[in-house]
């Protein structure tokens, strides 16, 4: 492996829950890329994985709607 390559792991469920409980309704790939410090291609792959898990829904090219889940608090 090259010395100039860094591999990281992201807990998709934790990231998805962070998005769900945020005050945002939508997120763009370039916004997630900025927050995670990665490129937009990788952020798009992460958002596509979050869509498969049900945290977001793709609305258009580079735009995802965050699916708000109802939470019962006791």
PDB file of N, CA and C in Angstrom:
ATOM      1  N   UNK A   1       0.843  -1.178   0.000  1.00  0.00           N
ATOM      2  CA  UNK A   1       0.000   0.000   0.000  1.00  0.00           C
ATOM      3  C   UNK A   1       0.886   1.238   0.000  1.00  0.00           C
ATOM      4  N   UNK A   2       0.455   2.216  -0.736  1.00  0.00           N
ATOM      5  CA  UNK A   2       1.216   3.450  -0.857  1.00  0.00           C
ATOM      6  C   UNK A   2       1.241   4.214   0.465  1.00  0.00           C
ATOM      7  N   UNK A   3       2.266   4.960   0.674  1.00  0.00           N
ATOM      8  CA  UNK A   3       2.379   5.768   1.881  1.00  0.00           C
ATOM      9  C   UNK A   3       1.433   6.963   1.847  1.00  0.00           C
ATOM     10  N   UNK A   4       0.876   7.259   0.674  1.00  0.00           N
ATOM     11  CA  UNK A   4       0.027   8.424   0.510  1.00  0.00           C
ATOM     12  C   UNK A   4      -1.456   8.068   0.502  1.00  0.00           C
ATOM     13  N   UNK A   5      -1.782   6.876   0.923  1.00  0.00           N
ATOM     14  CA  UNK A   5      -3.170   6.422   0.958  1.00  0.00           C
ATOM     15  C   UNK A   5      -3.551   6.143   2.403  1.00  0.00           C
ATOM     16  N   UNK A   6      -4.724   6.605   2.791  1.00  0.00           N
ATOM     17  CA  UNK A   6      -5.222   6.387   4.136  1.00  0.00           C
ATOM     18  C   UNK A   6      -6.586   5.720   4.045  1.00  0.00           C
ATOM     19  N   UNK A   7      -6.759   4.649   4.757  1.00  0.00           N
ATOM     20  CA  UNK A   7      -8.050   3.963   4.797  1.00  0.00           C
ATOM     21  C   UNK A   7      -8.697   4.220   6.152  1.00  0.00           C
ATOM     22  N   UNK A   8      -9.988   4.510   6.121  1.00  0.00           N
ATOM     23  CA  UNK A   8     -10.711   4.736   7.361  1.00  0.00           C
ATOM     24  C   UNK A   8     -11.984   3.896   7.350  1.00  0.00           C
ATOM     25  N   UNK A   9     -12.564   3.714   8.531  1.00  0.00           N
ATOM     26  CA  UNK A   9     -13.836   3.020   8.662  1.00  0.00           C
ATOM     27  C   UNK A   9     -14.852   4.015   9.202  1.00  0.00           C
ATOM     28  N   UNK A  10     -16.065   3.928   8.666  1.00  0.00           N
ATOM     29  CA  UNK A  10     -17.146   4.791   9.122  1.00  0.00           C
ATOM     30  C   UNK A  10     -18.292   3.902   9.567  1.00  0.00           C
ATOM     31  N   UNK A  11     -18.799   4.146  10.764  1.00  0.00           N
ATOM     32  CA  UNK A  11     -19.969   3.438  11.251  1.00  0.00           C
ATOM     33  C   UNK A  11     -21.182   4.079  10.585  1.00  0.00           C
ATOM     34  N   UNK A  12     -21.749   3.412   9.570  1.00  0.00           N
ATOM     35  CA  UNK A  12     -22.830   3.997   8.799  1.00  0.00           C
ATOM     36  C   UNK A  12     -24.088   4.204   9.636  1.00  0.00           C
ATOM     37  N   UNK A  13     -24.344   3.313  10.584  1.00  0.00           N
ATOM     38  CA  UNK A  13     -25.522   3.477  11.431  1.00  0.00           C
ATOM     39  C   UNK A  13     -25.383   4.711  12.328  1.00  0.00           C
ATOM     40  N   UNK A  14     -24.211   4.934  12.848  1.00  0.00           N
ATOM     41  CA  UNK A  14     -23.986   6.112  13.693  1.00  0.00           C
ATOM     42  C   UNK A  14     -24.096   7.395  12.875  1.00  0.00           C
ATOM     43  N   UNK A  15     -23.512   7.400  11.689  1.00  0.00           N
ATOM     44  CA  UNK A  15     -23.610   8.566  10.814  1.00  0.00           C
ATOM     45  C   UNK A  15     -25.060   8.792  10.397  1.00  0.00           C
ATOM     46  N   UNK A  16     -25.778   7.718  10.078  1.00  0.00           N
ATOM     47  CA  UNK A  16     -27.180   7.838   9.696  1.00  0.00           C
ATOM     48  C   UNK A  16     -28.024   8.415  10.812  1.00  0.00           C
ATOM     49  N   UNK A  17     -27.805   7.953  12.032  1.00  0.00           N
ATOM     50  CA  UNK A  17     -28.563   8.473  13.167  1.00  0.00           C
ATOM     51  C   UNK A  17     -28.213   9.934  13.438  1.00  0.00           C
ATOM     52  N   UNK A  18     -26.962  10.299  13.221  1.00  0.00           N
ATOM     53  CA  UNK A  18     -26.563  11.695  13.391  1.00  0.00           C
ATOM     54  C   UNK A  18     -27.315  12.583  12.400  1.00  0.00           C
ATOM     55  N   UNK A  19     -27.477  12.108  11.174  1.00  0.00           N
ATOM     56  CA  UNK A  19     -28.219  12.874  10.181  1.00  0.00           C
ATOM     57  C   UNK A  19     -29.703  12.938  10.523  1.00  0.00           C
ATOM     58  N   UNK A  20     -30.265  11.816  10.959  1.00  0.00           N
ATOM     59  CA  UNK A  20     -31.696  11.760  11.290  1.00  0.00           C
ATOM     60  C   UNK A  20     -32.036  12.725  12.414  1.00  0.00           C
ATOM     61  N   UNK A  21     -31.188  12.814  13.424  1.00  0.00           N
ATOM     62  CA  UNK A  21     -31.462  13.676  14.568  1.00  0.00           C
ATOM     63  C   UNK A  21     -30.944  15.105  14.405  1.00  0.00           C
ATOM     64  N   UNK A  22     -30.421  15.423  13.237  1.00  0.00           N
ATOM     65  CA  UNK A  22     -29.984  16.797  12.988  1.00  0.00           C
ATOM     66  C   UNK A  22     -31.201  17.640  12.603  1.00  0.00           C
ATOM     67  N   UNK A  23     -31.021  18.927  12.502  1.00  0.00           N
ATOM     68  CA  UNK A  23     -32.107  19.833  12.122  1.00  0.00           C
ATOM     69  C   UNK A  23     -32.241  19.966  10.614  1.00  0.00           C
ATOM     70  N   UNK A  24     -31.543  19.155   9.871  1.00  0.00           N
ATOM     71  CA  UNK A  24     -31.542  19.253   8.417  1.00  0.00           C
ATOM     72  C   UNK A  24     -32.614  18.357   7.814  1.00  0.00           C
ATOM     73  N   UNK A  25     -33.123  18.770   6.658  1.00  0.00           N
ATOM     74  CA  UNK A  25     -34.056  17.941   5.903  1.00  0.00           C
ATOM     75  C   UNK A  25     -33.370  17.308   4.700  1.00  0.00           C
ATOM     76  N   UNK A  26     -32.345  17.964   4.172  1.00  0.00           N
ATOM     77  CA  UNK A  26     -31.621  17.484   3.003  1.00  0.00           C
ATOM     78  C   UNK A  26     -30.121  17.592   3.261  1.00  0.00           C
ATOM     79  N   UNK A  27     -29.367  16.792   2.522  1.00  0.00           N
ATOM     80  CA  UNK A  27     -27.909  16.910   2.553  1.00  0.00           C
ATOM     81  C   UNK A  27     -27.383  16.679   1.142  1.00  0.00           C
ATOM     82  N   UNK A  28     -26.390  17.435   0.779  1.00  0.00           N
ATOM     83  CA  UNK A  28     -25.752  17.305  -0.538  1.00  0.00           C
ATOM     84  C   UNK A  28     -24.413  16.584  -0.377  1.00  0.00           C
ATOM     85  N   UNK A  29     -23.993  15.953  -1.453  1.00  0.00           N
ATOM     86  CA  UNK A  29     -22.744  15.193  -1.387  1.00  0.00           C
ATOM     87  C   UNK A  29     -21.567  16.098  -1.037  1.00  0.00           C
ATOM     88  N   UNK A  30     -21.538  17.310  -1.569  1.00  0.00           N
ATOM     89  CA  UNK A  30     -20.394  18.187  -1.274  1.00  0.00           C
ATOM     90  C   UNK A  30     -20.404  18.644   0.184  1.00  0.00           C
ATOM     91  N   UNK A  31     -21.585  18.742   0.810  1.00  0.00           N
ATOM     92  CA  UNK A  31     -21.647  19.102   2.229  1.00  0.00           C
ATOM     93  C   UNK A  31     -21.102  17.977   3.105  1.00  0.00           C
ATOM     94  N   UNK A  32     -21.498  16.733   2.791  1.00  0.00           N
ATOM     95  CA  UNK A  32     -20.984  15.596   3.551  1.00  0.00           C
ATOM     96  C   UNK A  32     -19.482  15.443   3.321  1.00  0.00           C
ATOM     97  N   UNK A  33     -19.041  15.667   2.095  1.00  0.00           N
ATOM     98  CA  UNK A  33     -17.614  15.584   1.799  1.00  0.00           C
ATOM     99  C   UNK A  33     -16.825  16.595   2.630  1.00  0.00           C
ATOM    100  N   UNK A  34     -17.356  17.788   2.767  1.00  0.00           N
ATOM    101  CA  UNK A  34     -16.689  18.816   3.579  1.00  0.00           C
ATOM    102  C   UNK A  34     -16.645  18.397   5.045  1.00  0.00           C
ATOM    103  N   UNK A  35     -17.779  17.893   5.569  1.00  0.00           N
ATOM    104  CA  UNK A  35     -17.843  17.498   6.981  1.00  0.00           C
ATOM    105  C   UNK A  35     -16.908  16.339   7.298  1.00  0.00           C
ATOM    106  N   UNK A  36     -16.790  15.390   6.369  1.00  0.00           N
ATOM    107  CA  UNK A  36     -15.949  14.213   6.613  1.00  0.00           C
ATOM    108  C   UNK A  36     -14.505  14.398   6.143  1.00  0.00           C
ATOM    109  N   UNK A  37     -14.257  15.465   5.404  1.00  0.00           N
ATOM    110  CA  UNK A  37     -12.903  15.708   4.905  1.00  0.00           C
ATOM    111  C   UNK A  37     -12.510  14.744   3.807  1.00  0.00           C
ATOM    112  N   UNK A  38     -13.451  14.436   2.927  1.00  0.00           N
ATOM    113  CA  UNK A  38     -13.190  13.509   1.832  1.00  0.00           C
ATOM    114  C   UNK A  38     -13.627  14.150   0.522  1.00  0.00           C
ATOM    115  N   UNK A  39     -13.546  13.411  -0.568  1.00  0.00           N
ATOM    116  CA  UNK A  39     -13.982  13.960  -1.850  1.00  0.00           C
ATOM    117  C   UNK A  39     -15.459  13.659  -2.084  1.00  0.00           C
ATOM    118  N   UNK A  40     -16.044  14.312  -3.080  1.00  0.00           N
ATOM    119  CA  UNK A  40     -17.479  14.157  -3.318  1.00  0.00           C
ATOM    120  C   UNK A  40     -17.826  12.764  -3.830  1.00  0.00           C
ATOM    121  N   UNK A  41     -16.917  12.113  -4.521  1.00  0.00           N
ATOM    122  CA  UNK A  41     -17.166  10.747  -4.991  1.00  0.00           C
ATOM    123  C   UNK A  41     -17.349   9.800  -3.810  1.00  0.00           C
ATOM    124  N   UNK A  42     -16.470   9.875  -2.839  1.00  0.00           N
ATOM    125  CA  UNK A  42     -16.585   9.021  -1.651  1.00  0.00           C
ATOM    126  C   UNK A  42     -17.825   9.370  -0.841  1.00  0.00           C
ATOM    127  N   UNK A  43     -18.143  10.652  -0.734  1.00  0.00           N
ATOM    128  CA  UNK A  43     -19.341  11.066  -0.007  1.00  0.00           C
ATOM    129  C   UNK A  43     -20.591  10.536  -0.706  1.00  0.00           C
ATOM    130  N   UNK A  44     -20.585  10.503  -2.018  1.00  0.00           N
ATOM    131  CA  UNK A  44     -21.706   9.945  -2.765  1.00  0.00           C
ATOM    132  C   UNK A  44     -21.875   8.464  -2.502  1.00  0.00           C
ATOM    133  N   UNK A  45     -20.767   7.744  -2.420  1.00  0.00           N
ATOM    134  CA  UNK A  45     -20.833   6.317  -2.109  1.00  0.00           C
ATOM    135  C   UNK A  45     -21.367   6.088  -0.696  1.00  0.00           C
ATOM    136  N   UNK A  46     -20.973   6.943   0.237  1.00  0.00           N
ATOM    137  CA  UNK A  46     -21.447   6.827   1.617  1.00  0.00           C
ATOM    138  C   UNK A  46     -22.952   7.108   1.672  1.00  0.00           C
ATOM    139  N   UNK A  47     -23.407   8.150   0.976  1.00  0.00           N
ATOM    140  CA  UNK A  47     -24.831   8.466   0.965  1.00  0.00           C
ATOM    141  C   UNK A  47     -25.643   7.382   0.269  1.00  0.00           C
ATOM    142  N   UNK A  48     -25.096   6.767  -0.760  1.00  0.00           N
ATOM    143  CA  UNK A  48     -25.794   5.651  -1.415  1.00  0.00           C
ATOM    144  C   UNK A  48     -25.935   4.477  -0.455  1.00  0.00           C
ATOM    145  N   UNK A  49     -24.915   4.221   0.341  1.00  0.00           N
ATOM    146  CA  UNK A  49     -24.995   3.150   1.341  1.00  0.00           C
ATOM    147  C   UNK A  49     -26.018   3.500   2.422  1.00  0.00           C
ATOM    148  N   UNK A  50     -26.068   4.766   2.826  1.00  0.00           N
ATOM    149  CA  UNK A  50     -27.066   5.197   3.808  1.00  0.00           C
ATOM    150  C   UNK A  50     -28.479   5.092   3.235  1.00  0.00           C
ATOM    151  N   UNK A  51     -28.627   5.287   1.930  1.00  0.00           N
ATOM    152  CA  UNK A  51     -29.932   5.126   1.285  1.00  0.00           C
ATOM    153  C   UNK A  51     -30.366   3.661   1.323  1.00  0.00           C
ATOM    154  N   UNK A  52     -29.431   2.751   1.095  1.00  0.00           N
ATOM    155  CA  UNK A  52     -29.759   1.316   1.167  1.00  0.00           C
ATOM    156  C   UNK A  52     -30.154   0.911   2.579  1.00  0.00           C
ATOM    157  N   UNK A  53     -29.616   1.600   3.583  1.00  0.00           N
ATOM    158  CA  UNK A  53     -29.947   1.302   4.975  1.00  0.00           C
ATOM    159  C   UNK A  53     -31.210   2.024   5.442  1.00  0.00           C
ATOM    160  N   UNK A  54     -31.736   2.936   4.632  1.00  0.00           N
ATOM    161  CA  UNK A  54     -32.988   3.607   4.962  1.00  0.00           C
ATOM    162  C   UNK A  54     -32.865   4.905   5.728  1.00  0.00           C
ATOM    163  N   UNK A  55     -31.698   5.480   5.806  1.00  0.00           N
ATOM    164  CA  UNK A  55     -31.510   6.743   6.518  1.00  0.00           C
ATOM    165  C   UNK A  55     -31.773   7.958   5.633  1.00  0.00           C
ATOM    166  N   UNK A  56     -31.503   7.821   4.357  1.00  0.00           N
ATOM    167  CA  UNK A  56     -31.720   8.913   3.404  1.00  0.00           C
ATOM    168  C   UNK A  56     -32.395   8.354   2.158  1.00  0.00           C
ATOM    169  N   UNK A  57     -32.911   9.270   1.343  1.00  0.00           N
ATOM    170  CA  UNK A  57     -33.540   8.902   0.084  1.00  0.00           C
ATOM    171  C   UNK A  57     -32.986   9.824  -0.993  1.00  0.00           C
ATOM    172  N   UNK A  58     -32.572   9.258  -2.112  1.00  0.00           N
ATOM    173  CA  UNK A  58     -32.005  10.088  -3.175  1.00  0.00           C
ATOM    174  C   UNK A  58     -33.110  10.880  -3.856  1.00  0.00           C
ATOM    175  N   UNK A  59     -32.917  12.190  -3.955  1.00  0.00           N
ATOM    176  CA  UNK A  59     -33.896  13.053  -4.588  1.00  0.00           C
ATOM    177  C   UNK A  59     -33.456  13.495  -5.965  1.00  0.00           C
ATOM    178  N   UNK A  60     -32.215  13.850  -6.117  1.00  0.00           N
ATOM    179  CA  UNK A  60     -31.684  14.240  -7.419  1.00  0.00           C
ATOM    180  C   UNK A  60     -30.181  14.009  -7.394  1.00  0.00           C
ATOM    181  N   UNK A  61     -29.534  14.415  -8.450  1.00  0.00           N
ATOM    182  CA  UNK A  61     -28.104  14.207  -8.556  1.00  0.00           C
ATOM    183  C   UNK A  61     -27.371  14.992  -7.468  1.00  0.00           C
ATOM    184  N   UNK A  62     -26.836  14.275  -6.481  1.00  0.00           N
ATOM    185  CA  UNK A  62     -26.081  14.909  -5.417  1.00  0.00           C
ATOM    186  C   UNK A  62     -26.908  15.425  -4.257  1.00  0.00           C
ATOM    187  N   UNK A  63     -28.219  15.184  -4.253  1.00  0.00           N
ATOM    188  CA  UNK A  63     -29.095  15.667  -3.193  1.00  0.00           C
ATOM    189  C   UNK A  63     -29.864  14.493  -2.587  1.00  0.00           C
ATOM    190  N   UNK A  64     -29.805  14.387  -1.262  1.00  0.00           N
ATOM    191  CA  UNK A  64     -30.482  13.305  -0.546  1.00  0.00           C
ATOM    192  C   UNK A  64     -31.380  13.889   0.529  1.00  0.00           C
ATOM    193  N   UNK A  65     -32.590  13.334   0.645  1.00  0.00           N
ATOM    194  CA  UNK A  65     -33.522  13.736   1.696  1.00  0.00           C
ATOM    195  C   UNK A  65     -33.288  12.843   2.904  1.00  0.00           C
ATOM    196  N   UNK A  66     -33.155  13.460   4.064  1.00  0.00           N
ATOM    197  CA  UNK A  66     -32.948  12.714   5.300  1.00  0.00           C
ATOM    198  C   UNK A  66     -34.304  12.235   5.792  1.00  0.00           C
ATOM    199  N   UNK A  67     -34.420  10.949   6.044  1.00  0.00           N
ATOM    200  CA  UNK A  67     -35.677  10.363   6.487  1.00  0.00           C
ATOM    201  C   UNK A  67     -35.737  10.462   8.000  1.00  0.00           C
ATOM    202  N   UNK A  68     -36.683  11.270   8.471  1.00  0.00           N
ATOM    203  CA  UNK A  68     -36.861  11.465   9.906  1.00  0.00           C
ATOM    204  C   UNK A  68     -37.660  10.300  10.466  1.00  0.00           C
ATOM    205  N   UNK A  69     -37.181   9.723  11.511  1.00  0.00           N
ATOM    206  CA  UNK A  69     -37.857   8.603  12.148  1.00  0.00           C
ATOM    207  C   UNK A  69     -38.550   9.105  13.403  1.00  0.00           C
ATOM    208  N   UNK A  70     -39.759   8.634  13.615  1.00  0.00           N
ATOM    209  CA  UNK A  70     -40.466   9.027  14.846  1.00  0.00           C
ATOM    210  C   UNK A  70     -39.868   8.260  16.010  1.00  0.00           C
ATOM    211  N   UNK A  71     -39.631   8.963  17.082  1.00  0.00           N
ATOM    212  CA  UNK A  71     -38.992   8.384  18.244  1.00  0.00           C
ATOM    213  C   UNK A  71     -39.962   8.486  19.418  1.00  0.00           C
ATOM    214  N   UNK A  72     -40.204   7.362  20.053  1.00  0.00           N
ATOM    215  CA  UNK A  72     -41.033   7.368  21.248  1.00  0.00           C
ATOM    216  C   UNK A  72     -40.139   7.596  22.454  1.00  0.00           C
ATOM    217  N   UNK A  73     -40.457   8.615  23.201  1.00  0.00           N
ATOM    218  CA  UNK A  73     -39.682   8.920  24.403  1.00  0.00           C
ATOM    219  C   UNK A  73     -40.558   8.644  25.613  1.00  0.00           C
ATOM    220  N   UNK A  74     -40.014   7.937  26.557  1.00  0.00           N
ATOM    221  CA  UNK A  74     -40.764   7.568  27.771  1.00  0.00           C
ATOM    222  C   UNK A  74     -40.272   8.351  28.954  1.00  0.00           C
TER     223      UNK A  74
END
